[in-house]
PDB file of N, CA and C in Angstrom:
ATOM      1  N   MET A   1     -20.454  -3.647  -7.344  1.00  0.00           N
ATOM      2  CA  MET A   1     -19.571  -2.503  -7.293  1.00  0.00           C
ATOM      3  C   MET A   1     -18.151  -2.948  -7.620  1.00  0.00           C
ATOM      4  N   GLU A   2     -17.527  -2.286  -8.567  1.00  0.00           N
ATOM      5  CA  GLU A   2     -16.153  -2.591  -8.929  1.00  0.00           C
ATOM      6  C   GLU A   2     -15.206  -1.863  -7.989  1.00  0.00           C
ATOM      7  N   LEU A   3     -14.261  -2.610  -7.426  1.00  0.00           N
ATOM      8  CA  LEU A   3     -13.303  -2.025  -6.494  1.00  0.00           C
ATOM      9  C   LEU A   3     -12.098  -1.498  -7.257  1.00  0.00           C
ATOM     10  N   LEU A   4     -11.539  -0.416  -6.769  1.00  0.00           N
ATOM     11  CA  LEU A   4     -10.339   0.143  -7.376  1.00  0.00           C
ATOM     12  C   LEU A   4      -9.128  -0.686  -6.981  1.00  0.00           C
ATOM     13  N   ASN A   5      -8.185  -0.777  -7.894  1.00  0.00           N
ATOM     14  CA  ASN A   5      -6.952  -1.500  -7.618  1.00  0.00           C
ATOM     15  C   ASN A   5      -5.945  -0.514  -7.043  1.00  0.00           C
ATOM     16  N   HIS A   6      -5.550  -0.741  -5.804  1.00  0.00           N
ATOM     17  CA  HIS A   6      -4.629   0.178  -5.141  1.00  0.00           C
ATOM     18  C   HIS A   6      -3.235  -0.415  -4.959  1.00  0.00           C
ATOM     19  N   ASP A   7      -2.900  -1.503  -5.680  1.00  0.00           N
ATOM     20  CA  ASP A   7      -1.548  -2.018  -5.495  1.00  0.00           C
ATOM     21  C   ASP A   7      -0.546  -0.998  -6.023  1.00  0.00           C
ATOM     22  N   LEU A   8       0.668  -1.094  -5.543  1.00  0.00           N
ATOM     23  CA  LEU A   8       1.664  -0.064  -5.842  1.00  0.00           C
ATOM     24  C   LEU A   8       2.028   0.014  -7.320  1.00  0.00           C
ATOM     25  N   ALA A   9       1.939  -1.091  -8.031  1.00  0.00           N
ATOM     26  CA  ALA A   9       2.219  -1.056  -9.472  1.00  0.00           C
ATOM     27  C   ALA A   9       1.186  -0.206 -10.202  1.00  0.00           C
ATOM     28  N   HIS A  10      -0.046  -0.192  -9.717  1.00  0.00           N
ATOM     29  CA  HIS A  10      -1.078   0.653 -10.319  1.00  0.00           C
ATOM     30  C   HIS A  10      -0.997   2.092  -9.817  1.00  0.00           C
ATOM     31  N   GLU A  11      -0.551   2.258  -8.586  1.00  0.00           N
ATOM     32  CA  GLU A  11      -0.433   3.598  -8.017  1.00  0.00           C
ATOM     33  C   GLU A  11       0.727   4.368  -8.647  1.00  0.00           C
ATOM     34  N   PHE A  12       1.850   3.675  -8.882  1.00  0.00           N
ATOM     35  CA  PHE A  12       3.052   4.316  -9.429  1.00  0.00           C
ATOM     36  C   PHE A  12       3.613   3.500 -10.597  1.00  0.00           C
ATOM     37  N   PRO A  13       2.882   3.398 -11.704  1.00  0.00           N
ATOM     38  CA  PRO A  13       3.346   2.542 -12.803  1.00  0.00           C
ATOM     39  C   PRO A  13       4.693   2.977 -13.380  1.00  0.00           C
ATOM     40  N   GLN A  14       4.988   4.257 -13.330  1.00  0.00           N
ATOM     41  CA  GLN A  14       6.247   4.758 -13.866  1.00  0.00           C
ATOM     42  C   GLN A  14       7.447   4.412 -12.981  1.00  0.00           C
ATOM     43  N   LEU A  15       7.182   3.905 -11.770  1.00  0.00           N
ATOM     44  CA  LEU A  15       8.256   3.624 -10.822  1.00  0.00           C
ATOM     45  C   LEU A  15       8.394   2.141 -10.486  1.00  0.00           C
ATOM     46  N   VAL A  16       7.787   1.274 -11.279  1.00  0.00           N
ATOM     47  CA  VAL A  16       7.816  -0.162 -10.995  1.00  0.00           C
ATOM     48  C   VAL A  16       9.247  -0.689 -10.967  1.00  0.00           C
ATOM     49  N   GLY A  17      10.056  -0.320 -11.929  1.00  0.00           N
ATOM     50  CA  GLY A  17      11.452  -0.779 -11.963  1.00  0.00           C
ATOM     51  C   GLY A  17      12.230  -0.325 -10.744  1.00  0.00           C
ATOM     52  N   LYS A  18      12.025   0.906 -10.347  1.00  0.00           N
ATOM     53  CA  LYS A  18      12.702   1.447  -9.167  1.00  0.00           C
ATOM     54  C   LYS A  18      12.240   0.718  -7.907  1.00  0.00           C
ATOM     55  N   MET A  19      10.956   0.397  -7.840  1.00  0.00           N
ATOM     56  CA  MET A  19      10.452  -0.353  -6.678  1.00  0.00           C
ATOM     57  C   MET A  19      11.134  -1.712  -6.594  1.00  0.00           C
ATOM     58  N   ARG A  20      11.283  -2.380  -7.726  1.00  0.00           N
ATOM     59  CA  ARG A  20      11.945  -3.695  -7.728  1.00  0.00           C
ATOM     60  C   ARG A  20      13.360  -3.595  -7.178  1.00  0.00           C
ATOM     61  N   SER A  21      14.106  -2.621  -7.641  1.00  0.00           N
ATOM     62  CA  SER A  21      15.497  -2.509  -7.184  1.00  0.00           C
ATOM     63  C   SER A  21      15.576  -2.065  -5.725  1.00  0.00           C
ATOM     64  N   MET A  22      14.664  -1.219  -5.293  1.00  0.00           N
ATOM     65  CA  MET A  22      14.700  -0.767  -3.901  1.00  0.00           C
ATOM     66  C   MET A  22      14.276  -1.861  -2.926  1.00  0.00           C
ATOM     67  N   LYS A  23      13.437  -2.783  -3.366  1.00  0.00           N
ATOM     68  CA  LYS A  23      13.070  -3.907  -2.492  1.00  0.00           C
ATOM     69  C   LYS A  23      14.295  -4.755  -2.189  1.00  0.00           C
ATOM     70  N   ILE A  24      15.236  -4.787  -3.111  1.00  0.00           N
ATOM     71  CA  ILE A  24      16.464  -5.560  -2.923  1.00  0.00           C
ATOM     72  C   ILE A  24      17.494  -4.772  -2.115  1.00  0.00           C
ATOM     73  N   SER A  25      17.574  -3.474  -2.353  1.00  0.00           N
ATOM     74  CA  SER A  25      18.646  -2.672  -1.765  1.00  0.00           C
ATOM     75  C   SER A  25      18.304  -1.995  -0.440  1.00  0.00           C
ATOM     76  N   SER A  26      17.042  -1.930  -0.067  1.00  0.00           N
ATOM     77  CA  SER A  26      16.651  -1.200   1.136  1.00  0.00           C
ATOM     78  C   SER A  26      15.698  -2.020   1.997  1.00  0.00           C
ATOM     79  N   ALA A  27      16.175  -2.397   3.180  1.00  0.00           N
ATOM     80  CA  ALA A  27      15.329  -3.156   4.106  1.00  0.00           C
ATOM     81  C   ALA A  27      14.125  -2.313   4.547  1.00  0.00           C
ATOM     82  N   ARG A  28      14.334  -1.028   4.744  1.00  0.00           N
ATOM     83  CA  ARG A  28      13.229  -0.142   5.153  1.00  0.00           C
ATOM     84  C   ARG A  28      12.156  -0.094   4.056  1.00  0.00           C
ATOM     85  N   PHE A  29      12.603   0.058   2.816  1.00  0.00           N
ATOM     86  CA  PHE A  29      11.655   0.090   1.703  1.00  0.00           C
ATOM     87  C   PHE A  29      10.890  -1.225   1.629  1.00  0.00           C
ATOM     88  N   LEU A  30      11.586  -2.337   1.742  1.00  0.00           N
ATOM     89  CA  LEU A  30      10.942  -3.647   1.680  1.00  0.00           C
ATOM     90  C   LEU A  30       9.907  -3.781   2.794  1.00  0.00           C
ATOM     91  N   HIS A  31      10.243  -3.316   3.991  1.00  0.00           N
ATOM     92  CA  HIS A  31       9.293  -3.364   5.113  1.00  0.00           C
ATOM     93  C   HIS A  31       8.041  -2.547   4.792  1.00  0.00           C
ATOM     94  N   LEU A  32       8.224  -1.318   4.312  1.00  0.00           N
ATOM     95  CA  LEU A  32       7.079  -0.476   3.970  1.00  0.00           C
ATOM     96  C   LEU A  32       6.267  -1.080   2.829  1.00  0.00           C
ATOM     97  N   PHE A  33       6.947  -1.611   1.837  1.00  0.00           N
ATOM     98  CA  PHE A  33       6.272  -2.232   0.699  1.00  0.00           C
ATOM     99  C   PHE A  33       5.389  -3.385   1.178  1.00  0.00           C
ATOM    100  N   ASN A  34       5.937  -4.235   2.037  1.00  0.00           N
ATOM    101  CA  ASN A  34       5.176  -5.371   2.543  1.00  0.00           C
ATOM    102  C   ASN A  34       4.020  -4.920   3.436  1.00  0.00           C
ATOM    103  N   GLU A  35       4.255  -3.897   4.256  1.00  0.00           N
ATOM    104  CA  GLU A  35       3.178  -3.376   5.099  1.00  0.00           C
ATOM    105  C   GLU A  35       2.047  -2.825   4.236  1.00  0.00           C
ATOM    106  N   TYR A  36       2.394  -2.074   3.202  1.00  0.00           N
ATOM    107  CA  TYR A  36       1.379  -1.536   2.300  1.00  0.00           C
ATOM    108  C   TYR A  36       0.595  -2.678   1.655  1.00  0.00           C
ATOM    109  N   ASP A  37       1.308  -3.674   1.172  1.00  0.00           N
ATOM    110  CA  ASP A  37       0.660  -4.796   0.495  1.00  0.00           C
ATOM    111  C   ASP A  37      -0.308  -5.517   1.439  1.00  0.00           C
ATOM    112  N   GLU A  38       0.107  -5.738   2.681  1.00  0.00           N
ATOM    113  CA  GLU A  38      -0.760  -6.406   3.653  1.00  0.00           C
ATOM    114  C   GLU A  38      -1.999  -5.564   3.968  1.00  0.00           C
ATOM    115  N   LEU A  39      -1.799  -4.276   4.196  1.00  0.00           N
ATOM    116  CA  LEU A  39      -2.933  -3.392   4.466  1.00  0.00           C
ATOM    117  C   LEU A  39      -3.880  -3.339   3.273  1.00  0.00           C
ATOM    118  N   ASN A  40      -3.312  -3.199   2.096  1.00  0.00           N
ATOM    119  CA  ASN A  40      -4.123  -3.111   0.888  1.00  0.00           C
ATOM    120  C   ASN A  40      -4.958  -4.371   0.697  1.00  0.00           C
ATOM    121  N   HIS A  41      -4.341  -5.518   0.929  1.00  0.00           N
ATOM    122  CA  HIS A  41      -5.061  -6.784   0.791  1.00  0.00           C
ATOM    123  C   HIS A  41      -6.184  -6.876   1.832  1.00  0.00           C
ATOM    124  N   ALA A  42      -5.879  -6.531   3.072  1.00  0.00           N
ATOM    125  CA  ALA A  42      -6.887  -6.603   4.139  1.00  0.00           C
ATOM    126  C   ALA A  42      -8.052  -5.662   3.857  1.00  0.00           C
ATOM    127  N   ILE A  43      -7.760  -4.456   3.422  1.00  0.00           N
ATOM    128  CA  ILE A  43      -8.806  -3.476   3.102  1.00  0.00           C
ATOM    129  C   ILE A  43      -9.652  -3.972   1.934  1.00  0.00           C
ATOM    130  N   GLY A  44      -9.010  -4.511   0.927  1.00  0.00           N
ATOM    131  CA  GLY A  44      -9.740  -5.056  -0.219  1.00  0.00           C
ATOM    132  C   GLY A  44     -10.675  -6.179   0.180  1.00  0.00           C
ATOM    133  N   GLN A  45     -10.202  -7.065   1.054  1.00  0.00           N
ATOM    134  CA  GLN A  45     -11.048  -8.162   1.526  1.00  0.00           C
ATOM    135  C   GLN A  45     -12.242  -7.626   2.302  1.00  0.00           C
ATOM    136  N   LEU A  46     -12.011  -6.638   3.152  1.00  0.00           N
ATOM    137  CA  LEU A  46     -13.107  -6.055   3.925  1.00  0.00           C
ATOM    138  C   LEU A  46     -14.130  -5.403   3.003  1.00  0.00           C
ATOM    139  N   GLU A  47     -13.645  -4.707   1.979  1.00  0.00           N
ATOM    140  CA  GLU A  47     -14.557  -4.059   1.033  1.00  0.00           C
ATOM    141  C   GLU A  47     -15.346  -5.090   0.230  1.00  0.00           C
ATOM    142  N   GLN A  48     -14.673  -6.136  -0.182  1.00  0.00           N
ATOM    143  CA  GLN A  48     -15.304  -7.150  -1.025  1.00  0.00           C
ATOM    144  C   GLN A  48     -16.287  -8.010  -0.238  1.00  0.00           C
ATOM    145  N   ASP A  49     -15.868  -8.463   0.933  1.00  0.00           N
ATOM    146  CA  ASP A  49     -16.672  -9.419   1.692  1.00  0.00           C
ATOM    147  C   ASP A  49     -17.607  -8.768   2.691  1.00  0.00           C
ATOM    148  N   GLY A  50     -17.396  -7.484   2.978  1.00  0.00           N
ATOM    149  CA  GLY A  50     -18.233  -6.812   3.953  1.00  0.00           C
ATOM    150  C   GLY A  50     -18.112  -7.404   5.344  1.00  0.00           C
ATOM    151  N   LEU A  51     -16.913  -7.835   5.699  1.00  0.00           N
ATOM    152  CA  LEU A  51     -16.704  -8.425   7.014  1.00  0.00           C
ATOM    153  C   LEU A  51     -16.939  -7.389   8.104  1.00  0.00           C
ATOM    154  N   PRO A  52     -17.364  -7.849   9.267  1.00  0.00           N
ATOM    155  CA  PRO A  52     -17.670  -6.892  10.333  1.00  0.00           C
ATOM    156  C   PRO A  52     -16.411  -6.218  10.885  1.00  0.00           C
ATOM    157  N   ILE A  53     -16.427  -4.911  10.859  1.00  0.00           N
ATOM    158  CA  ILE A  53     -15.341  -4.101  11.407  1.00  0.00           C
ATOM    159  C   ILE A  53     -15.943  -2.730  11.679  1.00  0.00           C
ATOM    160  N   SER A  54     -15.454  -2.087  12.705  1.00  0.00           N
ATOM    161  CA  SER A  54     -16.003  -0.758  13.006  1.00  0.00           C
ATOM    162  C   SER A  54     -15.553   0.234  11.936  1.00  0.00           C
ATOM    163  N   ASP A  55     -16.368   1.236  11.716  1.00  0.00           N
ATOM    164  CA  ASP A  55     -16.012   2.278  10.751  1.00  0.00           C
ATOM    165  C   ASP A  55     -14.716   2.962  11.154  1.00  0.00           C
ATOM    166  N   GLU A  56     -14.530   3.169  12.449  1.00  0.00           N
ATOM    167  CA  GLU A  56     -13.320   3.839  12.934  1.00  0.00           C
ATOM    168  C   GLU A  56     -12.078   3.013  12.617  1.00  0.00           C
ATOM    169  N   ARG A  57     -12.136   1.710  12.858  1.00  0.00           N
ATOM    170  CA  ARG A  57     -10.993   0.829  12.580  1.00  0.00           C
ATOM    171  C   ARG A  57     -10.710   0.781  11.082  1.00  0.00           C
ATOM    172  N   PHE A  58     -11.765   0.713  10.290  1.00  0.00           N
ATOM    173  CA  PHE A  58     -11.599   0.667   8.843  1.00  0.00           C
ATOM    174  C   PHE A  58     -10.934   1.950   8.346  1.00  0.00           C
ATOM    175  N   GLU A  59     -11.369   3.091   8.844  1.00  0.00           N
ATOM    176  CA  GLU A  59     -10.770   4.371   8.460  1.00  0.00           C
ATOM    177  C   GLU A  59      -9.319   4.462   8.927  1.00  0.00           C
ATOM    178  N   GLU A  60      -9.009   3.925  10.099  1.00  0.00           N
ATOM    179  CA  GLU A  60      -7.620   3.902  10.584  1.00  0.00           C
ATOM    180  C   GLU A  60      -6.744   3.090   9.636  1.00  0.00           C
ATOM    181  N   MET A  61      -7.252   1.967   9.176  1.00  0.00           N
ATOM    182  CA  MET A  61      -6.492   1.132   8.239  1.00  0.00           C
ATOM    183  C   MET A  61      -6.229   1.882   6.933  1.00  0.00           C
ATOM    184  N   LYS A  62      -7.255   2.565   6.430  1.00  0.00           N
ATOM    185  CA  LYS A  62      -7.083   3.300   5.174  1.00  0.00           C
ATOM    186  C   LYS A  62      -6.128   4.479   5.355  1.00  0.00           C
ATOM    187  N   LYS A  63      -6.178   5.153   6.486  1.00  0.00           N
ATOM    188  CA  LYS A  63      -5.238   6.257   6.745  1.00  0.00           C
ATOM    189  C   LYS A  63      -3.815   5.733   6.862  1.00  0.00           C
ATOM    190  N   ARG A  64      -3.633   4.582   7.514  1.00  0.00           N
ATOM    191  CA  ARG A  64      -2.296   3.998   7.634  1.00  0.00           C
ATOM    192  C   ARG A  64      -1.780   3.609   6.251  1.00  0.00           C
ATOM    193  N   ARG A  65      -2.641   3.021   5.421  1.00  0.00           N
ATOM    194  CA  ARG A  65      -2.226   2.657   4.060  1.00  0.00           C
ATOM    195  C   ARG A  65      -1.762   3.892   3.296  1.00  0.00           C
ATOM    196  N   LEU A  66      -2.491   4.991   3.428  1.00  0.00           N
ATOM    197  CA  LEU A  66      -2.116   6.226   2.749  1.00  0.00           C
ATOM    198  C   LEU A  66      -0.782   6.761   3.264  1.00  0.00           C
ATOM    199  N   LYS A  67      -0.564   6.697   4.574  1.00  0.00           N
ATOM    200  CA  LYS A  67       0.705   7.172   5.158  1.00  0.00           C
ATOM    201  C   LYS A  67       1.871   6.331   4.647  1.00  0.00           C
ATOM    202  N   VAL A  68       1.685   5.026   4.622  1.00  0.00           N
ATOM    203  CA  VAL A  68       2.744   4.138   4.135  1.00  0.00           C
ATOM    204  C   VAL A  68       3.011   4.408   2.657  1.00  0.00           C
ATOM    205  N   LYS A  69       1.955   4.622   1.876  1.00  0.00           N
ATOM    206  CA  LYS A  69       2.137   4.930   0.451  1.00  0.00           C
ATOM    207  C   LYS A  69       2.909   6.235   0.278  1.00  0.00           C
ATOM    208  N   ASP A  70       2.595   7.231   1.089  1.00  0.00           N
ATOM    209  CA  ASP A  70       3.335   8.497   1.034  1.00  0.00           C
ATOM    210  C   ASP A  70       4.806   8.294   1.376  1.00  0.00           C
ATOM    211  N   ASP A  71       5.079   7.495   2.402  1.00  0.00           N
ATOM    212  CA  ASP A  71       6.472   7.216   2.781  1.00  0.00           C
ATOM    213  C   ASP A  71       7.209   6.507   1.645  1.00  0.00           C
ATOM    214  N   ILE A  72       6.543   5.552   1.029  1.00  0.00           N
ATOM    215  CA  ILE A  72       7.143   4.829  -0.095  1.00  0.00           C
ATOM    216  C   ILE A  72       7.440   5.791  -1.239  1.00  0.00           C
ATOM    217  N   TYR A  73       6.499   6.639  -1.565  1.00  0.00           N
ATOM    218  CA  TYR A  73       6.695   7.589  -2.666  1.00  0.00           C
ATOM    219  C   TYR A  73       7.867   8.523  -2.371  1.00  0.00           C
ATOM    220  N   GLN A  74       7.959   8.994  -1.148  1.00  0.00           N
ATOM    221  CA  GLN A  74       9.069   9.874  -0.789  1.00  0.00           C
ATOM    222  C   GLN A  74      10.411   9.169  -0.961  1.00  0.00           C
ATOM    223  N   MET A  75      10.465   7.904  -0.598  1.00  0.00           N
ATOM    224  CA  MET A  75      11.707   7.135  -0.794  1.00  0.00           C
ATOM    225  C   MET A  75      11.996   6.971  -2.281  1.00  0.00           C
ATOM    226  N   LEU A  76      10.977   6.733  -3.062  1.00  0.00           N
ATOM    227  CA  LEU A  76      11.176   6.502  -4.498  1.00  0.00           C
ATOM    228  C   LEU A  76      11.689   7.769  -5.207  1.00  0.00           C
ATOM    229  N   ILE A  77      11.208   8.912  -4.833  1.00  0.00           N
ATOM    230  CA  ILE A  77      11.635  10.122  -5.534  1.00  0.00           C
ATOM    231  C   ILE A  77      12.909  10.718  -4.955  1.00  0.00           C
ATOM    232  N   ALA A  78      13.320  10.262  -3.771  1.00  0.00           N
ATOM    233  CA  ALA A  78      14.519  10.814  -3.118  1.00  0.00           C
ATOM    234  C   ALA A  78      15.800  10.281  -3.729  1.00  0.00           C
ATOM    235  N   LYS A  79      15.771   9.117  -4.297  1.00  0.00           N
ATOM    236  CA  LYS A  79      17.014   8.496  -4.791  1.00  0.00           C
ATOM    237  C   LYS A  79      17.167   8.647  -6.272  1.00  0.00           C
TER     238      LYS A  79
END
């Protein structure tokens, strides 16, 4: 099974330049960016390796990733 790439450059390719500048200018953005990256990596590893985790915990991780992505997008379009 091929896994989808959910990194932010693939999610928002038109905003890559803005993400780069906001990582430098906004500590909040950098925090959210790093949190998203960590969650995305952990979720990808769980999907790839099938490591033991409860369905509820896995769904919580995916919901948190989506919330963080929404927060990031709102910051990107606000400025």
